[in-house]
């Protein structure tokens, strides 16, 4: 018996469910999601991780 891709649970959905069932329902059932400063900043920082040309320095590090 095979499963359809839409039958799988997303890891982010599991994290939301454990943290707050109401948050999970709003995001994954109601489809209510809005980007904010923190989500955009996190997305940009994550992209830098995969950029081989990006170099970051902090003080002497």
PDB file of N, CA and C in Angstrom:
ATOM      1  N   UNK A   1       0.832  -1.163   0.000  1.00  0.00           N
ATOM      2  CA  UNK A   1       0.000   0.000   0.000  1.00  0.00           C
ATOM      3  C   UNK A   1       0.891   1.246   0.000  1.00  0.00           C
ATOM      4  N   UNK A   2       0.668   2.128  -0.947  1.00  0.00           N
ATOM      5  CA  UNK A   2       1.471   3.349  -1.046  1.00  0.00           C
ATOM      6  C   UNK A   2       0.777   4.534  -0.397  1.00  0.00           C
ATOM      7  N   UNK A   3       1.588   5.500  -0.044  1.00  0.00           N
ATOM      8  CA  UNK A   3       1.061   6.717   0.548  1.00  0.00           C
ATOM      9  C   UNK A   3       1.249   7.876  -0.415  1.00  0.00           C
ATOM     10  N   UNK A   4       0.304   8.799  -0.414  1.00  0.00           N
ATOM     11  CA  UNK A   4       0.424   9.997  -1.220  1.00  0.00           C
ATOM     12  C   UNK A   4       1.233  11.018  -0.436  1.00  0.00           C
ATOM     13  N   UNK A   5       1.946  11.871  -1.161  1.00  0.00           N
ATOM     14  CA  UNK A   5       2.805  12.856  -0.505  1.00  0.00           C
ATOM     15  C   UNK A   5       2.016  13.760   0.433  1.00  0.00           C
ATOM     16  N   UNK A   6       0.793  14.112   0.083  1.00  0.00           N
ATOM     17  CA  UNK A   6       0.009  14.992   0.944  1.00  0.00           C
ATOM     18  C   UNK A   6      -0.435  14.310   2.244  1.00  0.00           C
ATOM     19  N   UNK A   7      -0.258  12.997   2.340  1.00  0.00           N
ATOM     20  CA  UNK A   7      -0.590  12.275   3.568  1.00  0.00           C
ATOM     21  C   UNK A   7       0.524  12.350   4.618  1.00  0.00           C
ATOM     22  N   UNK A   8       1.715  12.759   4.201  1.00  0.00           N
ATOM     23  CA  UNK A   8       2.842  12.851   5.130  1.00  0.00           C
ATOM     24  C   UNK A   8       2.715  14.096   6.004  1.00  0.00           C
ATOM     25  N   UNK A   9       3.239  14.021   7.221  1.00  0.00           N
ATOM     26  CA  UNK A   9       3.270  15.163   8.128  1.00  0.00           C
ATOM     27  C   UNK A   9       4.585  15.914   7.945  1.00  0.00           C
ATOM     28  N   UNK A  10       4.519  17.229   8.001  1.00  0.00           N
ATOM     29  CA  UNK A  10       5.727  18.041   7.932  1.00  0.00           C
ATOM     30  C   UNK A  10       6.360  18.110   9.320  1.00  0.00           C
ATOM     31  N   UNK A  11       7.692  18.093   9.359  1.00  0.00           N
ATOM     32  CA  UNK A  11       8.374  18.217  10.646  1.00  0.00           C
ATOM     33  C   UNK A  11       8.023  19.541  11.318  1.00  0.00           C
ATOM     34  N   UNK A  12       7.914  20.596  10.525  1.00  0.00           N
ATOM     35  CA  UNK A  12       7.548  21.890  11.112  1.00  0.00           C
ATOM     36  C   UNK A  12       6.163  21.814  11.741  1.00  0.00           C
ATOM     37  N   UNK A  13       5.274  21.027  11.136  1.00  0.00           N
ATOM     38  CA  UNK A  13       3.938  20.859  11.695  1.00  0.00           C
ATOM     39  C   UNK A  13       3.974  20.142  13.031  1.00  0.00           C
ATOM     40  N   UNK A  14       4.842  19.143  13.140  1.00  0.00           N
ATOM     41  CA  UNK A  14       4.982  18.425  14.412  1.00  0.00           C
ATOM     42  C   UNK A  14       5.518  19.359  15.494  1.00  0.00           C
ATOM     43  N   UNK A  15       6.495  20.196  15.123  1.00  0.00           N
ATOM     44  CA  UNK A  15       7.055  21.143  16.083  1.00  0.00           C
ATOM     45  C   UNK A  15       5.984  22.132  16.533  1.00  0.00           C
ATOM     46  N   UNK A  16       5.202  22.649  15.593  1.00  0.00           N
ATOM     47  CA  UNK A  16       4.133  23.576  15.946  1.00  0.00           C
ATOM     48  C   UNK A  16       3.097  22.898  16.854  1.00  0.00           C
ATOM     49  N   UNK A  17       2.759  21.655  16.551  1.00  0.00           N
ATOM     50  CA  UNK A  17       1.760  20.927  17.332  1.00  0.00           C
ATOM     51  C   UNK A  17       2.217  20.723  18.773  1.00  0.00           C
ATOM     52  N   UNK A  18       3.495  20.351  18.955  1.00  0.00           N
ATOM     53  CA  UNK A  18       4.032  20.132  20.295  1.00  0.00           C
ATOM     54  C   UNK A  18       4.086  21.450  21.067  1.00  0.00           C
ATOM     55  N   UNK A  19       4.480  22.533  20.378  1.00  0.00           N
ATOM     56  CA  UNK A  19       4.603  23.836  21.034  1.00  0.00           C
ATOM     57  C   UNK A  19       3.234  24.394  21.414  1.00  0.00           C
ATOM     58  N   UNK A  20       2.287  24.376  20.457  1.00  0.00           N
ATOM     59  CA  UNK A  20       0.975  24.966  20.706  1.00  0.00           C
ATOM     60  C   UNK A  20      -0.011  24.437  19.669  1.00  0.00           C
ATOM     61  N   UNK A  21      -0.990  23.674  20.114  1.00  0.00           N
ATOM     62  CA  UNK A  21      -1.962  23.082  19.187  1.00  0.00           C
ATOM     63  C   UNK A  21      -2.762  24.148  18.457  1.00  0.00           C
ATOM     64  N   UNK A  22      -3.022  25.267  19.122  1.00  0.00           N
ATOM     65  CA  UNK A  22      -3.761  26.342  18.466  1.00  0.00           C
ATOM     66  C   UNK A  22      -2.929  26.937  17.328  1.00  0.00           C
ATOM     67  N   UNK A  23      -1.629  27.153  17.593  1.00  0.00           N
ATOM     68  CA  UNK A  23      -0.736  27.670  16.555  1.00  0.00           C
ATOM     69  C   UNK A  23      -0.697  26.694  15.374  1.00  0.00           C
ATOM     70  N   UNK A  24      -0.597  25.406  15.664  1.00  0.00           N
ATOM     71  CA  UNK A  24      -0.571  24.388  14.611  1.00  0.00           C
ATOM     72  C   UNK A  24      -1.831  24.455  13.758  1.00  0.00           C
ATOM     73  N   UNK A  25      -2.980  24.552  14.408  1.00  0.00           N
ATOM     74  CA  UNK A  25      -4.239  24.592  13.662  1.00  0.00           C
ATOM     75  C   UNK A  25      -4.330  25.846  12.801  1.00  0.00           C
ATOM     76  N   UNK A  26      -3.922  26.983  13.348  1.00  0.00           N
ATOM     77  CA  UNK A  26      -3.981  28.217  12.564  1.00  0.00           C
ATOM     78  C   UNK A  26      -3.099  28.135  11.325  1.00  0.00           C
ATOM     79  N   UNK A  27      -1.918  27.573  11.476  1.00  0.00           N
ATOM     80  CA  UNK A  27      -0.971  27.511  10.359  1.00  0.00           C
ATOM     81  C   UNK A  27      -1.319  26.395   9.386  1.00  0.00           C
ATOM     82  N   UNK A  28      -1.547  25.177   9.886  1.00  0.00           N
ATOM     83  CA  UNK A  28      -1.636  24.005   9.009  1.00  0.00           C
ATOM     84  C   UNK A  28      -3.060  23.643   8.597  1.00  0.00           C
ATOM     85  N   UNK A  29      -4.054  24.101   9.317  1.00  0.00           N
ATOM     86  CA  UNK A  29      -5.440  23.828   8.924  1.00  0.00           C
ATOM     87  C   UNK A  29      -6.076  25.078   8.311  1.00  0.00           C
ATOM     88  N   UNK A  30      -5.961  26.197   9.017  1.00  0.00           N
ATOM     89  CA  UNK A  30      -6.571  27.438   8.541  1.00  0.00           C
ATOM     90  C   UNK A  30      -5.735  28.132   7.473  1.00  0.00           C
ATOM     91  N   UNK A  31      -4.445  27.804   7.409  1.00  0.00           N
ATOM     92  CA  UNK A  31      -3.571  28.433   6.418  1.00  0.00           C
ATOM     93  C   UNK A  31      -3.250  29.884   6.727  1.00  0.00           C
ATOM     94  N   UNK A  32      -3.302  30.248   7.998  1.00  0.00           N
ATOM     95  CA  UNK A  32      -3.022  31.623   8.400  1.00  0.00           C
ATOM     96  C   UNK A  32      -1.563  31.730   8.831  1.00  0.00           C
ATOM     97  N   UNK A  33      -0.767  32.332   7.981  1.00  0.00           N
ATOM     98  CA  UNK A  33       0.645  32.516   8.271  1.00  0.00           C
ATOM     99  C   UNK A  33       1.070  33.855   7.694  1.00  0.00           C
ATOM    100  N   UNK A  34       1.808  34.607   8.440  1.00  0.00           N
ATOM    101  CA  UNK A  34       2.320  35.884   7.963  1.00  0.00           C
ATOM    102  C   UNK A  34       3.794  35.982   8.328  1.00  0.00           C
ATOM    103  N   UNK A  35       4.600  36.368   7.371  1.00  0.00           N
ATOM    104  CA  UNK A  35       6.018  36.574   7.641  1.00  0.00           C
ATOM    105  C   UNK A  35       6.166  37.786   8.554  1.00  0.00           C
ATOM    106  N   UNK A  36       7.154  37.737   9.423  1.00  0.00           N
ATOM    107  CA  UNK A  36       7.476  38.883  10.241  1.00  0.00           C
ATOM    108  C   UNK A  36       8.993  39.064  10.225  1.00  0.00           C
ATOM    109  N   UNK A  37       9.469  40.034  10.968  1.00  0.00           N
ATOM    110  CA  UNK A  37      10.902  40.327  10.971  1.00  0.00           C
ATOM    111  C   UNK A  37      11.732  39.082  11.294  1.00  0.00           C
ATOM    112  N   UNK A  38      11.326  38.341  12.297  1.00  0.00           N
ATOM    113  CA  UNK A  38      12.115  37.187  12.736  1.00  0.00           C
ATOM    114  C   UNK A  38      12.137  36.060  11.704  1.00  0.00           C
ATOM    115  N   UNK A  39      11.018  35.788  11.060  1.00  0.00           N
ATOM    116  CA  UNK A  39      11.009  34.713  10.065  1.00  0.00           C
ATOM    117  C   UNK A  39      11.806  35.105   8.828  1.00  0.00           C
ATOM    118  N   UNK A  40      11.704  36.366   8.413  1.00  0.00           N
ATOM    119  CA  UNK A  40      12.482  36.830   7.257  1.00  0.00           C
ATOM    120  C   UNK A  40      13.966  36.822   7.583  1.00  0.00           C
ATOM    121  N   UNK A  41      14.342  37.306   8.757  1.00  0.00           N
ATOM    122  CA  UNK A  41      15.739  37.315   9.172  1.00  0.00           C
ATOM    123  C   UNK A  41      16.292  35.893   9.239  1.00  0.00           C
ATOM    124  N   UNK A  42      15.530  34.976   9.801  1.00  0.00           N
ATOM    125  CA  UNK A  42      15.964  33.577   9.869  1.00  0.00           C
ATOM    126  C   UNK A  42      16.147  32.963   8.495  1.00  0.00           C
ATOM    127  N   UNK A  43      15.252  33.286   7.570  1.00  0.00           N
ATOM    128  CA  UNK A  43      15.362  32.773   6.199  1.00  0.00           C
ATOM    129  C   UNK A  43      16.640  33.293   5.535  1.00  0.00           C
ATOM    130  N   UNK A  44      16.920  34.581   5.699  1.00  0.00           N
ATOM    131  CA  UNK A  44      18.131  35.158   5.104  1.00  0.00           C
ATOM    132  C   UNK A  44      19.392  34.565   5.720  1.00  0.00           C
ATOM    133  N   UNK A  45      19.400  34.388   7.037  1.00  0.00           N
ATOM    134  CA  UNK A  45      20.564  33.793   7.694  1.00  0.00           C
ATOM    135  C   UNK A  45      20.760  32.357   7.221  1.00  0.00           C
ATOM    136  N   UNK A  46      19.680  31.623   7.043  1.00  0.00           N
ATOM    137  CA  UNK A  46      19.791  30.237   6.587  1.00  0.00           C
ATOM    138  C   UNK A  46      20.363  30.175   5.173  1.00  0.00           C
ATOM    139  N   UNK A  47      19.968  31.105   4.313  1.00  0.00           N
ATOM    140  CA  UNK A  47      20.512  31.121   2.949  1.00  0.00           C
ATOM    141  C   UNK A  47      22.020  31.334   2.969  1.00  0.00           C
ATOM    142  N   UNK A  48      22.515  32.174   3.887  1.00  0.00           N
ATOM    143  CA  UNK A  48      23.955  32.437   3.972  1.00  0.00           C
ATOM    144  C   UNK A  48      24.740  31.179   4.321  1.00  0.00           C
ATOM    145  N   UNK A  49      24.149  30.283   5.058  1.00  0.00           N
ATOM    146  CA  UNK A  49      24.838  29.052   5.444  1.00  0.00           C
ATOM    147  C   UNK A  49      25.254  28.251   4.211  1.00  0.00           C
ATOM    148  N   UNK A  50      24.441  28.296   3.179  1.00  0.00           N
ATOM    149  CA  UNK A  50      24.709  27.515   1.970  1.00  0.00           C
ATOM    150  C   UNK A  50      25.513  28.293   0.934  1.00  0.00           C
ATOM    151  N   UNK A  51      25.836  29.558   1.194  1.00  0.00           N
ATOM    152  CA  UNK A  51      26.596  30.388   0.262  1.00  0.00           C
ATOM    153  C   UNK A  51      28.085  30.208   0.537  1.00  0.00           C
ATOM    154  N   UNK A  52      28.777  29.499  -0.368  1.00  0.00           N
ATOM    155  CA  UNK A  52      30.200  29.195  -0.181  1.00  0.00           C
ATOM    156  C   UNK A  52      31.070  30.440  -0.256  1.00  0.00           C
ATOM    157  N   UNK A  53      30.593  31.493  -0.885  1.00  0.00           N
ATOM    158  CA  UNK A  53      31.362  32.725  -1.040  1.00  0.00           C
ATOM    159  C   UNK A  53      31.214  33.672   0.140  1.00  0.00           C
ATOM    160  N   UNK A  54      30.206  33.465   0.976  1.00  0.00           N
ATOM    161  CA  UNK A  54      29.935  34.378   2.086  1.00  0.00           C
ATOM    162  C   UNK A  54      30.926  34.159   3.217  1.00  0.00           C
ATOM    163  N   UNK A  55      31.529  35.249   3.694  1.00  0.00           N
ATOM    164  CA  UNK A  55      32.449  35.198   4.831  1.00  0.00           C
ATOM    165  C   UNK A  55      31.967  36.193   5.870  1.00  0.00           C
ATOM    166  N   UNK A  56      31.908  35.765   7.103  1.00  0.00           N
ATOM    167  CA  UNK A  56      31.462  36.633   8.190  1.00  0.00           C
ATOM    168  C   UNK A  56      32.558  36.716   9.231  1.00  0.00           C
ATOM    169  N   UNK A  57      32.751  37.890   9.789  1.00  0.00           N
ATOM    170  CA  UNK A  57      33.698  38.035  10.888  1.00  0.00           C
ATOM    171  C   UNK A  57      33.058  38.856  11.987  1.00  0.00           C
ATOM    172  N   UNK A  58      33.414  38.509  13.196  1.00  0.00           N
ATOM    173  CA  UNK A  58      32.919  39.208  14.376  1.00  0.00           C
ATOM    174  C   UNK A  58      34.118  39.550  15.240  1.00  0.00           C
ATOM    175  N   UNK A  59      34.497  40.819  15.181  1.00  0.00           N
ATOM    176  CA  UNK A  59      35.686  41.228  15.920  1.00  0.00           C
ATOM    177  C   UNK A  59      36.916  40.548  15.375  1.00  0.00           C
ATOM    178  N   UNK A  60      37.604  39.789  16.207  1.00  0.00           N
ATOM    179  CA  UNK A  60      38.817  39.087  15.768  1.00  0.00           C
ATOM    180  C   UNK A  60      38.534  37.660  15.318  1.00  0.00           C
ATOM    181  N   UNK A  61      37.290  37.279  15.313  1.00  0.00           N
ATOM    182  CA  UNK A  61      36.916  35.911  14.930  1.00  0.00           C
ATOM    183  C   UNK A  61      36.503  35.870  13.478  1.00  0.00           C
TER     184      UNK A  61
END
